[in-house]
Amino acid sequence: MSYTNLPLQGRGRSISDKNMFPDEIYVERDKAVKKMAGELGLAGIIFYGGTLSRGVVSYLNGARNANSFMTTMWIVPKEAKTVVLTTIDARATRNAPERFYSTVPIGLNLMANDHIGVQTGKYLKDNDLLTGKWGIVNGASIPYTAYQALLAVEGVDLVDVSASYEELKSIKSSGQLYGLSYSSSFAQRAVFDFIRLAQPGTVPIELIADLERGMRMNGIEHASFLISRGKKTAFTVAEETPLKEGELVSLFADIQYYNCHGAYASSTVIGGANDAQKNLIGKAKSLLDETVSEIESKMSAHIGYRSVDESGSYIIVNSIGADLVDAPAWDGKIVELKPRIALNITANICDPNIGSTVESRTAVVSKNGLNILNDFGPQQLSGQYS
């Protein structure tokens, strides 16, 4: 039996269902969206799924592959069963059980860019769902002609609720907190093991493959690694060129467990660092600590804003919604932080004469401040987020 099958069988899923949530999470999230619609005084909420908005829909159906639900329109009435209009039929909604969502194939009309908008308006009208205003999430990602066609349907009145939906996704349930802690701990462990095992002659892609194999055996669903080496400041996928004595190496790990993303990044020097390399690594750690302290003192964060200097060094804070970087409605905005909101905080220091160092952590806002999930395990989370 392949090791990649183990976590799937442990969850009672087949390989083809590897991205599926447990049934109770479908129910919980569908109810949460309907509740949000009611609180906003709306008849329901419409979501568009496409390559540029994967996090919008993956909160509802759990798919991490954008191609598995492009192009779809999710219609979530406040008091009726959720409906998915899809142009790709079964493949588009394979993560959505029929007992929770009704699937309505509308075909793919390559000659009409307004097709999905027309069909959405028609469905709402034909099913007597135009009983009030409808919310729409990330409407800017819908093709312009399709959006205009939807607006042109008599009785359609839309209001953007992207910011409210972003908050809904970003405030984590107890199960998500466990998943985040688990994935964040594994991300830290992967980077620590890489630093511990890497030596002159080590082939990075082979070492990372070994680390990922072990994580998969322990239930991790997905792992992604980016690396920078030597005086290069750009991060790329791992390669086959062996590591060299004195080479500065930075590794960023994004680990997914239970559809929750956790990240960790740090830097090392193969065989020992010189003073300049130590100083650069120390600067990244100090910048990260300063940013965490600033966030805690203000209990707010500038989401998605990348403060870049002439060298290319930066600090960035991302909200973790359904993906590691997934806050289109919050990008560039200063957001007041509430308990259970999850963040990824990354500090990168670049020097073209030395290389690039990075420090990245996953954190969750609690009633006591900001908890760095990489620093402790799931058993220590209880009671901190109420």
Protein backbone atom coordinates (compact mmCIF):
# COMPACT_ATOMS: atom_id res chain seq x y z
CA MET A 1 0.00 0.00 0.00
CA SER A 2 1.37 3.42 -0.94
CA TYR A 3 2.13 5.71 2.01
CA THR A 4 0.05 8.44 0.33
CA ASN A 5 -3.07 6.34 0.90
CA LEU A 6 -2.74 6.19 4.68
CA PRO A 7 -4.23 9.53 5.78
CA LEU A 8 -7.05 9.17 3.28
CA GLN A 9 -8.07 5.74 4.48
CA GLY A 10 -7.79 6.95 8.05
CA ARG A 11 -10.45 9.55 7.28
CA GLY A 12 -12.67 6.99 5.59
CA ARG A 13 -12.15 8.54 2.14
CA SER A 14 -11.19 7.12 -1.20
CA ILE A 15 -8.32 8.53 -3.25
CA SER A 16 -10.77 10.36 -5.54
CA ASP A 17 -12.28 12.05 -2.47
CA LYS A 18 -8.96 13.16 -1.02
CA ASN A 19 -9.95 16.83 -0.78
CA MET A 20 -13.32 16.27 0.89
CA PHE A 21 -14.32 17.68 4.23
CA PRO A 22 -16.10 15.45 6.72
CA ASP A 23 -19.88 15.85 6.38
CA GLU A 24 -20.25 17.89 9.56
CA ILE A 25 -17.97 20.61 8.19
CA TYR A 26 -20.07 20.96 5.03
CA VAL A 27 -23.10 21.46 7.23
CA GLU A 28 -21.36 23.84 9.62
CA ARG A 29 -20.04 26.13 6.89
CA ASP A 30 -23.21 26.13 4.84
CA LYS A 31 -25.15 27.15 7.95
CA ALA A 32 -22.60 29.86 8.72
CA VAL A 33 -23.02 31.44 5.28
CA LYS A 34 -26.82 31.29 5.54
CA LYS A 35 -26.63 32.86 9.00
CA MET A 36 -24.44 35.64 7.62
CA ALA A 37 -27.00 36.31 4.90
CA GLY A 38 -29.74 36.59 7.51
CA GLU A 39 -27.70 38.94 9.72
CA LEU A 40 -27.04 41.20 6.73
CA GLY A 41 -30.72 41.22 5.75
CA LEU A 42 -30.12 39.42 2.45
CA ALA A 43 -32.08 36.79 0.56
CA GLY A 44 -28.85 34.85 0.07
CA ILE A 45 -25.24 35.05 -1.09
CA ILE A 46 -23.69 34.30 -4.49
CA PHE A 47 -20.10 33.05 -4.94
CA TYR A 48 -18.16 32.75 -8.18
CA GLY A 49 -15.53 30.00 -8.47
CA GLY A 50 -12.66 30.46 -10.90
CA THR A 51 -8.88 30.33 -11.15
CA LEU A 52 -8.48 33.77 -9.56
CA SER A 53 -10.87 33.14 -6.69
CA ARG A 54 -10.17 29.62 -5.49
CA GLY A 55 -10.25 30.53 -1.80
CA VAL A 56 -13.74 31.98 -2.18
CA VAL A 57 -15.28 28.61 -2.95
CA SER A 58 -12.81 26.23 -1.32
CA TYR A 59 -14.14 27.34 2.08
CA LEU A 60 -17.43 25.72 1.05
CA ASN A 61 -16.31 22.65 -0.87
CA GLY A 62 -12.81 21.94 0.37
CA ALA A 63 -11.09 21.72 -3.03
CA ARG A 64 -7.52 22.99 -3.17
CA ASN A 65 -7.27 22.53 -6.96
CA ALA A 66 -8.83 25.56 -8.65
CA ASN A 67 -9.44 23.59 -11.84
CA SER A 68 -11.81 21.28 -9.98
CA PHE A 69 -14.46 23.98 -9.70
CA MET A 70 -13.97 26.38 -12.59
CA THR A 71 -16.30 27.74 -13.69
CA THR A 72 -19.08 27.54 -11.08
CA MET A 73 -21.58 29.87 -9.47
CA TRP A 74 -22.63 28.99 -5.93
CA ILE A 75 -26.07 30.20 -4.90
CA VAL A 76 -26.65 30.05 -1.14
CA PRO A 77 -30.23 31.08 -0.28
CA LYS A 78 -30.87 32.10 3.30
CA GLU A 79 -33.56 29.45 3.82
CA ALA A 80 -33.23 26.94 0.96
CA LYS A 81 -30.77 24.30 -0.22
CA THR A 82 -27.52 25.57 -1.72
CA VAL A 83 -27.25 25.20 -5.49
CA VAL A 84 -24.11 24.98 -7.65
CA LEU A 85 -24.40 26.06 -11.28
CA THR A 86 -21.53 24.43 -13.13
CA THR A 87 -20.20 24.50 -16.67
CA ILE A 88 -18.09 21.37 -16.17
CA ASP A 89 -20.72 19.14 -14.55
CA ALA A 90 -19.44 16.34 -12.29
CA ARG A 91 -15.76 17.26 -12.16
CA ALA A 92 -16.54 20.78 -11.01
CA THR A 93 -18.43 19.77 -7.89
CA ARG A 94 -17.02 16.37 -7.01
CA ASN A 95 -16.27 17.68 -3.50
CA ALA A 96 -19.87 18.66 -2.81
CA PRO A 97 -22.17 15.81 -1.73
CA GLU A 98 -25.59 15.98 -3.35
CA ARG A 99 -27.30 15.68 0.02
CA PHE A 100 -25.93 19.13 0.90
CA TYR A 101 -25.76 20.85 -2.49
CA SER A 102 -27.86 20.56 -5.61
CA THR A 103 -25.81 20.58 -8.81
CA VAL A 104 -27.31 22.20 -11.91
CA PRO A 105 -25.25 21.76 -15.12
CA ILE A 106 -25.63 24.80 -17.38
CA GLY A 107 -23.22 23.77 -20.13
CA LEU A 108 -20.25 25.70 -21.47
CA ASN A 109 -20.86 28.30 -24.17
CA LEU A 110 -17.44 29.40 -25.45
CA MET A 111 -19.10 31.88 -27.81
CA ALA A 112 -20.86 33.81 -25.03
CA ASN A 113 -18.80 35.40 -22.26
CA ASP A 114 -21.97 36.37 -20.43
CA HIS A 115 -23.24 32.78 -20.26
CA ILE A 116 -22.83 32.07 -16.53
CA GLY A 117 -24.27 35.48 -15.59
CA VAL A 118 -27.33 34.94 -17.77
CA GLN A 119 -27.89 31.45 -16.36
CA THR A 120 -27.48 32.63 -12.76
CA GLY A 121 -30.06 35.37 -13.21
CA LYS A 122 -32.39 32.94 -14.95
CA TYR A 123 -32.09 30.41 -12.09
CA LEU A 124 -32.84 33.02 -9.44
CA LYS A 125 -35.87 34.27 -11.36
CA ASP A 126 -37.25 30.87 -12.36
CA ASN A 127 -37.05 29.60 -8.77
CA ASP A 128 -38.66 32.68 -7.17
CA LEU A 129 -35.51 33.55 -5.24
CA LEU A 130 -35.53 37.27 -6.03
CA THR A 131 -37.28 38.19 -2.81
CA GLY A 132 -34.75 40.84 -1.76
CA LYS A 133 -31.16 41.91 -2.13
CA TRP A 134 -28.50 39.26 -2.71
CA GLY A 135 -24.94 39.46 -1.46
CA ILE A 136 -22.08 38.72 -3.84
CA VAL A 137 -18.56 37.71 -2.89
CA ASN A 138 -15.53 38.74 -4.95
CA GLY A 139 -17.69 39.98 -7.82
CA ALA A 140 -14.64 41.57 -9.44
CA SER A 141 -13.41 38.09 -10.42
CA ILE A 142 -16.55 37.39 -12.49
CA PRO A 143 -16.06 38.09 -16.22
CA TYR A 144 -17.32 41.64 -16.85
CA THR A 145 -19.94 40.70 -19.43
CA ALA A 146 -21.25 37.89 -17.20
CA TYR A 147 -21.57 40.25 -14.24
CA GLN A 148 -23.40 42.86 -16.32
CA ALA A 149 -25.73 40.17 -17.68
CA LEU A 150 -26.57 39.12 -14.11
CA LEU A 151 -27.29 42.71 -13.11
CA ALA A 152 -29.50 43.16 -16.17
CA VAL A 153 -31.97 40.49 -15.01
CA GLU A 154 -35.16 42.13 -13.73
CA GLY A 155 -35.31 41.99 -9.93
CA VAL A 156 -31.59 41.32 -9.36
CA ASP A 157 -30.17 43.67 -6.71
CA LEU A 158 -26.64 42.89 -5.54
CA VAL A 159 -24.52 44.17 -2.66
CA ASP A 160 -20.85 43.31 -2.12
CA VAL A 161 -20.27 41.29 1.06
CA SER A 162 -16.68 40.24 0.42
CA ALA A 163 -15.32 41.83 3.60
CA SER A 164 -17.94 40.12 5.79
CA TYR A 165 -17.20 36.79 4.12
CA GLU A 166 -13.46 37.27 4.63
CA GLU A 167 -14.05 37.66 8.35
CA LEU A 168 -16.28 34.58 8.39
CA LYS A 169 -13.57 32.46 6.74
CA SER A 170 -10.75 33.84 8.83
CA ILE A 171 -12.33 33.22 12.25
CA LYS A 172 -11.48 29.59 12.89
CA SER A 173 -13.55 26.85 14.45
CA SER A 174 -12.05 24.56 17.12
CA GLY A 175 -11.43 21.89 14.48
CA GLN A 176 -9.64 24.38 12.23
CA LEU A 177 -7.50 25.57 15.13
CA TYR A 178 -6.42 21.98 15.70
CA GLY A 179 -5.65 21.57 11.99
CA LEU A 180 -3.71 24.83 11.91
CA SER A 181 -1.67 23.88 14.95
CA TYR A 182 -0.92 20.43 13.52
CA SER A 183 0.11 21.74 10.11
CA SER A 184 2.13 24.61 11.64
CA SER A 185 4.00 22.24 13.95
CA PHE A 186 4.85 19.99 11.01
CA ALA A 187 6.03 22.98 8.96
CA GLN A 188 8.39 23.96 11.77
CA ARG A 189 9.59 20.38 12.17
CA ALA A 190 10.27 20.09 8.43
CA VAL A 191 12.41 23.25 8.40
CA PHE A 192 14.24 22.23 11.59
CA ASP A 193 14.95 18.75 10.19
CA PHE A 194 16.22 20.28 6.93
CA ILE A 195 18.57 22.57 8.89
CA ARG A 196 19.72 19.65 11.06
CA LEU A 197 20.34 17.23 8.19
CA ALA A 198 21.62 19.51 5.42
CA GLN A 199 25.39 19.37 4.90
CA PRO A 200 27.85 19.90 2.04
CA GLY A 201 26.90 17.54 -0.79
CA THR A 202 23.24 17.17 0.24
CA VAL A 203 20.84 17.36 -2.71
CA PRO A 204 17.97 19.64 -1.52
CA ILE A 205 15.20 18.05 -3.56
CA GLU A 206 16.09 14.59 -2.24
CA LEU A 207 16.17 15.70 1.40
CA ILE A 208 12.86 17.53 1.04
CA ALA A 209 11.30 14.44 -0.60
CA ASP A 210 12.38 12.34 2.39
CA LEU A 211 10.93 14.88 4.82
CA GLU A 212 7.65 15.02 2.92
CA ARG A 213 7.41 11.23 2.83
CA GLY A 214 7.57 11.13 6.60
CA MET A 215 4.93 13.85 6.96
CA ARG A 216 2.60 12.06 4.56
CA MET A 217 2.89 8.96 6.71
CA ASN A 218 1.63 11.06 9.62
CA GLY A 219 -1.47 12.36 7.85
CA ILE A 220 -0.27 15.52 6.11
CA GLU A 221 -2.34 16.10 2.96
CA HIS A 222 -0.12 18.52 1.05
CA ALA A 223 3.35 20.03 1.36
CA SER A 224 4.98 22.84 -0.57
CA PHE A 225 8.58 24.06 -0.19
CA LEU A 226 10.42 27.09 -1.57
CA ILE A 227 14.15 27.64 -1.19
CA SER A 228 16.71 30.37 -1.78
CA ARG A 229 20.43 29.60 -1.96
CA GLY A 230 23.71 31.45 -1.89
CA LYS A 231 23.56 35.08 -3.01
CA LYS A 232 20.30 34.56 -4.88
CA THR A 233 17.44 36.49 -3.26
CA ALA A 234 14.61 34.82 -5.20
CA PHE A 235 12.78 31.77 -3.79
CA THR A 236 12.32 28.80 -6.14
CA VAL A 237 11.42 25.13 -5.90
CA ALA A 238 14.19 22.84 -4.66
CA GLU A 239 16.73 21.68 -7.21
CA GLU A 240 19.24 18.88 -7.71
CA THR A 241 22.44 20.91 -7.32
CA PRO A 242 24.24 19.74 -4.14
CA LEU A 243 24.64 22.19 -1.26
CA LYS A 244 28.05 23.78 -0.73
CA GLU A 245 30.12 24.62 2.34
CA GLY A 246 29.34 28.15 3.53
CA GLU A 247 26.17 28.45 1.41
CA LEU A 248 23.32 30.51 2.89
CA VAL A 249 20.04 28.58 2.54
CA SER A 250 16.50 29.71 3.41
CA LEU A 251 13.55 27.29 3.38
CA PHE A 252 9.84 28.13 3.43
CA ALA A 253 7.41 25.28 4.21
CA ASP A 254 3.63 25.40 3.66
CA ILE A 255 1.93 22.31 5.10
CA GLN A 256 -1.73 21.36 4.81
CA TYR A 257 -3.64 19.17 7.26
CA TYR A 258 -7.42 18.82 7.40
CA ASN A 259 -7.52 21.50 4.69
CA CYS A 260 -5.77 23.95 7.05
CA HIS A 261 -2.53 25.61 5.98
CA GLY A 262 0.35 26.29 8.39
CA ALA A 263 3.72 27.75 7.48
CA TYR A 264 7.20 28.16 8.87
CA ALA A 265 10.42 29.47 7.40
CA SER A 266 13.97 29.99 8.60
CA SER A 267 17.55 30.18 7.35
CA THR A 268 20.85 28.39 7.92
CA VAL A 269 24.38 28.31 6.57
CA ILE A 270 25.78 24.96 5.46
CA GLY A 271 28.78 24.04 7.59
CA GLY A 272 28.67 27.22 9.70
CA ALA A 273 28.03 30.94 9.17
CA ASN A 274 30.44 33.86 8.97
CA ASP A 275 29.74 37.11 10.83
CA ALA A 276 27.96 38.78 7.89
CA GLN A 277 25.65 35.78 7.42
CA LYS A 278 24.89 35.60 11.16
CA ASN A 279 24.06 39.30 11.17
CA LEU A 280 21.68 38.94 8.21
CA ILE A 281 19.88 35.95 9.80
CA GLY A 282 19.59 37.89 13.07
CA LYS A 283 18.04 40.88 11.28
CA ALA A 284 15.22 38.74 9.86
CA LYS A 285 14.45 37.27 13.28
CA SER A 286 14.46 40.73 14.89
CA LEU A 287 12.17 42.13 12.19
CA LEU A 288 9.71 39.28 12.72
CA ASP A 289 9.73 39.77 16.51
CA GLU A 290 9.18 43.53 16.11
CA THR A 291 6.25 42.94 13.77
CA VAL A 292 4.61 40.44 16.13
CA SER A 293 5.00 42.89 19.03
CA GLU A 294 3.52 45.73 16.96
CA ILE A 295 0.51 43.62 15.96
CA GLU A 296 -0.07 42.62 19.57
CA SER A 297 0.13 46.20 20.83
CA LYS A 298 -2.36 47.50 18.25
CA MET A 299 -4.46 44.33 17.81
CA SER A 300 -4.66 45.21 14.14
CA ALA A 301 -2.68 44.26 11.04
CA HIS A 302 -2.08 45.70 7.59
CA ILE A 303 -3.16 42.66 5.57
CA GLY A 304 -1.40 41.83 2.33
CA TYR A 305 0.75 44.95 2.44
CA ARG A 306 4.35 44.30 1.48
CA SER A 307 6.71 46.93 2.88
CA VAL A 308 9.72 46.71 0.55
CA ASP A 309 13.01 48.61 0.73
CA GLU A 310 15.64 49.15 -1.96
CA SER A 311 17.32 45.81 -1.27
CA GLY A 312 14.09 43.87 -1.75
CA SER A 313 13.68 43.14 1.98
CA TYR A 314 10.07 43.07 3.17
CA ILE A 315 7.60 42.24 5.90
CA ILE A 316 4.15 40.92 4.99
CA VAL A 317 1.14 39.78 7.01
CA ASN A 318 -1.46 37.57 5.32
CA SER A 319 -4.82 36.40 6.61
CA ILE A 320 -5.31 32.64 6.42
CA GLY A 321 -8.78 31.98 5.05
CA ALA A 322 -9.19 28.82 3.01
CA ASP A 323 -5.61 29.05 1.80
CA LEU A 324 -2.29 30.33 3.11
CA VAL A 325 -2.64 33.60 1.17
CA ASP A 326 -6.34 34.19 0.83
CA ALA A 327 -7.78 37.58 1.75
CA PRO A 328 -8.72 39.46 -1.42
CA ALA A 329 -11.28 41.61 0.39
CA TRP A 330 -8.72 42.57 3.05
CA ASP A 331 -5.69 43.17 0.81
CA GLY A 332 -4.08 46.51 1.60
CA LYS A 333 -6.44 47.22 4.50
CA ILE A 334 -5.74 47.62 8.21
CA VAL A 335 -7.96 45.03 9.89
CA GLU A 336 -9.00 44.94 13.53
CA LEU A 337 -8.04 41.53 14.84
CA LYS A 338 -10.58 39.36 16.64
CA PRO A 339 -10.06 36.07 18.49
CA ARG A 340 -9.63 33.04 16.20
CA ILE A 341 -8.40 35.04 13.20
CA ALA A 342 -5.35 33.29 11.72
CA LEU A 343 -2.33 35.06 10.24
CA ASN A 344 0.89 34.21 8.44
CA ILE A 345 3.70 36.68 9.25
CA THR A 346 6.84 36.69 7.10
CA ALA A 347 10.03 38.77 7.36
CA ASN A 348 12.54 38.63 4.52
CA ILE A 349 15.93 40.38 4.58
CA CYS A 350 17.89 40.57 1.33
CA ASP A 351 21.50 41.57 0.69
CA PRO A 352 22.76 40.99 -2.87
CA ASN A 353 26.29 40.46 -1.51
CA ILE A 354 25.21 37.82 1.02
CA GLY A 355 21.84 36.36 0.01
CA SER A 356 18.31 36.18 1.43
CA THR A 357 17.13 35.22 4.91
CA VAL A 358 13.54 34.61 5.90
CA GLU A 359 11.56 34.00 9.07
CA SER A 360 7.87 33.06 8.81
CA ARG A 361 5.35 31.98 11.44
CA THR A 362 1.67 31.03 11.63
CA ALA A 363 -0.31 32.74 14.37
CA VAL A 364 -3.83 32.90 15.77
CA VAL A 365 -5.32 35.82 17.65
CA SER A 366 -6.47 34.88 21.15
CA LYS A 367 -8.01 36.80 24.01
CA ASN A 368 -4.49 36.99 25.46
CA GLY A 369 -2.76 38.34 22.35
CA LEU A 370 -1.09 36.62 19.41
CA ASN A 371 -0.22 32.93 19.69
CA ILE A 372 2.52 31.61 17.41
CA LEU A 373 1.23 28.13 16.56
CA ASN A 374 4.65 26.83 15.56
CA ASP A 375 5.77 27.14 19.18
CA PHE A 376 3.44 24.61 20.77
CA GLY A 377 1.15 21.70 20.02
CA PRO A 378 -2.67 21.34 19.73
CA GLN A 379 -3.03 20.18 23.33
CA GLN A 380 -2.09 23.69 24.53
CA LEU A 381 -4.82 25.52 22.58
CA SER A 382 -7.83 24.78 24.74
CA GLY A 383 -9.70 27.74 26.19
CA GLN A 384 -7.60 30.53 24.68
CA TYR A 385 -9.93 31.65 21.94
CA SER A 386 -13.35 32.05 23.54
